[in-house]
Protein backbone atom coordinates (compact mmCIF):
# COMPACT_ATOMS: atom_id res chain seq x y z
CA MET A 1 -66.66 68.08 67.59
CA ALA A 2 -63.65 70.30 66.84
CA LYS A 3 -60.34 69.84 68.65
CA ASN A 4 -59.04 72.59 70.86
CA LEU A 5 -55.80 73.75 69.18
CA ASP A 6 -55.27 76.68 71.54
CA VAL A 7 -52.64 75.13 73.82
CA ASN A 8 -50.21 77.10 75.95
CA ILE A 9 -46.74 75.53 76.00
CA ASP A 10 -43.86 76.84 78.07
CA THR A 11 -41.17 76.91 75.36
CA GLY A 12 -38.33 77.30 77.87
CA SER A 13 -39.13 74.13 79.79
CA PHE A 14 -39.88 72.29 76.53
CA LEU A 15 -36.43 73.12 75.13
CA GLU A 16 -34.72 72.32 78.43
CA SER A 17 -36.25 68.83 78.34
CA PHE A 18 -34.10 68.03 75.28
CA ARG A 19 -30.84 69.46 76.56
CA PRO A 20 -28.37 67.17 78.32
CA LYS A 21 -27.80 67.80 82.00
CA MET A 22 -24.51 69.72 82.23
CA PRO A 23 -22.67 70.85 85.35
CA LEU A 24 -23.28 74.47 86.31
CA PRO A 25 -20.49 76.90 85.34
CA ALA A 26 -18.18 78.24 88.02
CA ALA A 27 -19.11 81.66 89.38
CA ARG A 28 -17.25 84.56 87.80
CA GLY A 29 -17.42 88.33 87.86
CA GLU A 30 -20.67 89.74 89.25
CA ASN A 31 -22.02 86.27 90.05
CA ALA A 32 -19.04 85.60 92.31
CA ALA A 33 -20.36 88.18 94.80
CA ALA A 34 -23.77 86.48 94.84
CA VAL A 35 -22.17 83.08 95.46
CA LYS A 36 -20.00 84.57 98.19
CA ASP A 37 -23.07 86.07 99.88
CA SER A 38 -24.88 82.74 99.71
CA ASP A 39 -21.95 81.10 101.51
CA GLU A 40 -22.52 83.19 104.66
CA GLY A 41 -25.22 80.87 105.98
CA ARG A 42 -23.24 77.67 105.35
CA THR A 43 -21.09 75.79 107.80
CA ASP A 44 -17.30 76.07 107.73
CA ALA A 45 -16.98 72.51 106.39
CA VAL A 46 -19.17 73.26 103.40
CA LYS A 47 -17.24 76.50 102.71
CA GLU A 48 -13.98 74.55 102.88
CA GLN A 49 -15.22 71.95 100.41
CA ARG A 50 -16.34 74.64 97.99
CA THR A 51 -12.94 76.37 98.20
CA GLU A 52 -11.15 73.06 97.58
CA LYS A 53 -13.31 72.43 94.49
CA ARG A 54 -12.54 75.90 93.09
CA ASN A 55 -8.83 75.42 93.63
CA ALA A 56 -8.91 71.92 92.14
CA LYS A 57 -10.37 73.29 88.87
CA GLN A 58 -7.46 75.69 88.36
CA PRO A 59 -4.86 73.94 86.19
CA SER A 60 -1.60 73.38 88.05
CA ASP A 61 0.12 71.51 85.21
CA PRO A 62 1.92 73.94 82.85
CA VAL A 63 0.65 72.04 79.80
CA GLU A 64 -2.95 72.32 81.02
CA LYS A 65 -2.47 76.02 81.74
CA GLU A 66 -1.00 76.58 78.27
CA TYR A 67 -3.93 74.73 76.68
CA MET A 68 -6.43 76.91 78.57
CA GLU A 69 -4.64 80.11 77.55
CA ARG A 70 -4.33 79.14 73.87
CA PHE A 71 -7.64 77.48 73.12
CA ILE A 72 -10.24 77.94 75.88
CA ARG A 73 -10.74 81.69 75.65
CA THR A 74 -13.17 83.99 73.93
CA SER A 75 -12.71 84.54 70.23
CA LYS A 76 -12.16 87.96 68.66
CA THR A 77 -14.01 86.85 65.52
CA PRO A 78 -17.76 86.34 65.84
CA ALA A 79 -19.05 83.09 64.36
CA ARG A 80 -21.35 84.84 61.92
CA SER A 81 -18.45 86.59 60.15
CA GLY A 82 -16.77 83.29 59.22
CA LYS A 83 -17.66 80.55 56.77
CA MET A 84 -19.52 77.31 57.33
CA VAL A 85 -17.38 74.18 57.47
CA TYR A 86 -18.18 70.55 58.02
CA VAL A 87 -16.47 68.63 60.79
CA ARG A 88 -16.76 64.88 61.15
CA ARG A 89 -19.30 63.87 63.77
CA ASP A 90 -16.88 62.29 66.27
CA TYR A 91 -14.70 65.44 66.25
CA HIS A 92 -17.76 67.64 66.63
CA ASP A 93 -18.99 65.60 69.59
CA ARG A 94 -15.54 65.64 71.20
CA ILE A 95 -15.16 69.41 70.74
CA MET A 96 -18.63 70.04 72.16
CA ARG A 97 -17.81 67.99 75.28
CA ILE A 98 -14.55 69.93 75.69
CA LEU A 99 -16.36 73.25 75.37
CA HIS A 100 -19.14 72.30 77.80
CA VAL A 101 -16.89 70.82 80.48
CA ILE A 102 -13.59 72.68 80.23
CA GLY A 103 -14.90 75.88 78.66
CA LYS A 104 -17.98 75.98 80.90
CA GLY A 105 -20.13 76.62 77.82
CA GLU A 106 -18.65 80.12 77.38
CA LEU A 107 -16.94 79.47 74.03
CA SER A 108 -18.45 78.68 70.65
CA ILE A 109 -17.28 75.82 68.49
CA SER A 110 -16.19 78.29 65.80
CA GLY A 111 -14.11 80.22 68.36
CA TYR A 112 -12.39 77.04 69.50
CA ILE A 113 -11.63 75.94 65.93
CA ASP A 114 -10.31 79.44 65.18
CA HIS A 115 -7.85 79.16 68.11
CA VAL A 116 -6.75 75.67 67.03
CA LEU A 117 -6.12 76.83 63.45
CA THR A 118 -4.28 79.95 64.63
CA GLN A 119 -1.90 77.75 66.61
CA HIS A 120 -1.55 75.28 63.74
CA PHE A 121 -0.55 78.02 61.29
CA ALA A 122 1.88 79.52 63.81
CA ASP A 123 3.53 76.12 64.43
CA TYR A 124 3.78 75.08 60.77
CA GLU A 125 4.12 78.44 59.01
CA GLU A 126 7.61 77.78 57.64
CA ALA A 127 6.75 74.29 56.35
CA ILE A 128 3.54 75.56 54.74
CA ARG A 129 5.44 78.40 53.01
CA LYS A 130 8.09 75.99 51.65
CA LEU A 131 5.51 73.49 50.41
CA TYR A 132 3.43 76.25 48.85
CA LYS A 133 6.43 77.66 46.94
CA LYS A 134 7.49 74.16 45.90
CA ASN A 135 4.04 73.28 44.52
CA TYR A 136 2.99 76.66 43.13
CA GLU A 137 3.00 76.94 39.34
CA ASP A 138 2.91 80.35 37.69
CA VAL A 139 0.31 80.89 35.02
CA TYR A 140 2.87 82.73 32.81
């Protein structure tokens, strides 16, 4: 007797079963109106709690705000136009957690690394130039 190989699998739910459970991203843009409309039927206490949570997620510390502005923002360079690099596993895992939690999953790992390197080169430009000139040997 032949086996039935014609099986229908819902690929979306199959893939979701492997993904870790992450918190839902905060509502922004067009979705904010939908969230606001859904609040109409809620009690005042629930609305208050939701407002407090939104305000709590906004960085009040200047260092946190600076970090968000420098690194957790969309990248101008698409990932496919760059080059592949290897990052040690513990750094990769740490960056992915940062991007999922702080970046709400809206930033790619290549975009984040691009922002970090941009800041690194801006901070150490003078030292890099001096070391490069010091170590550069002309061919002729």
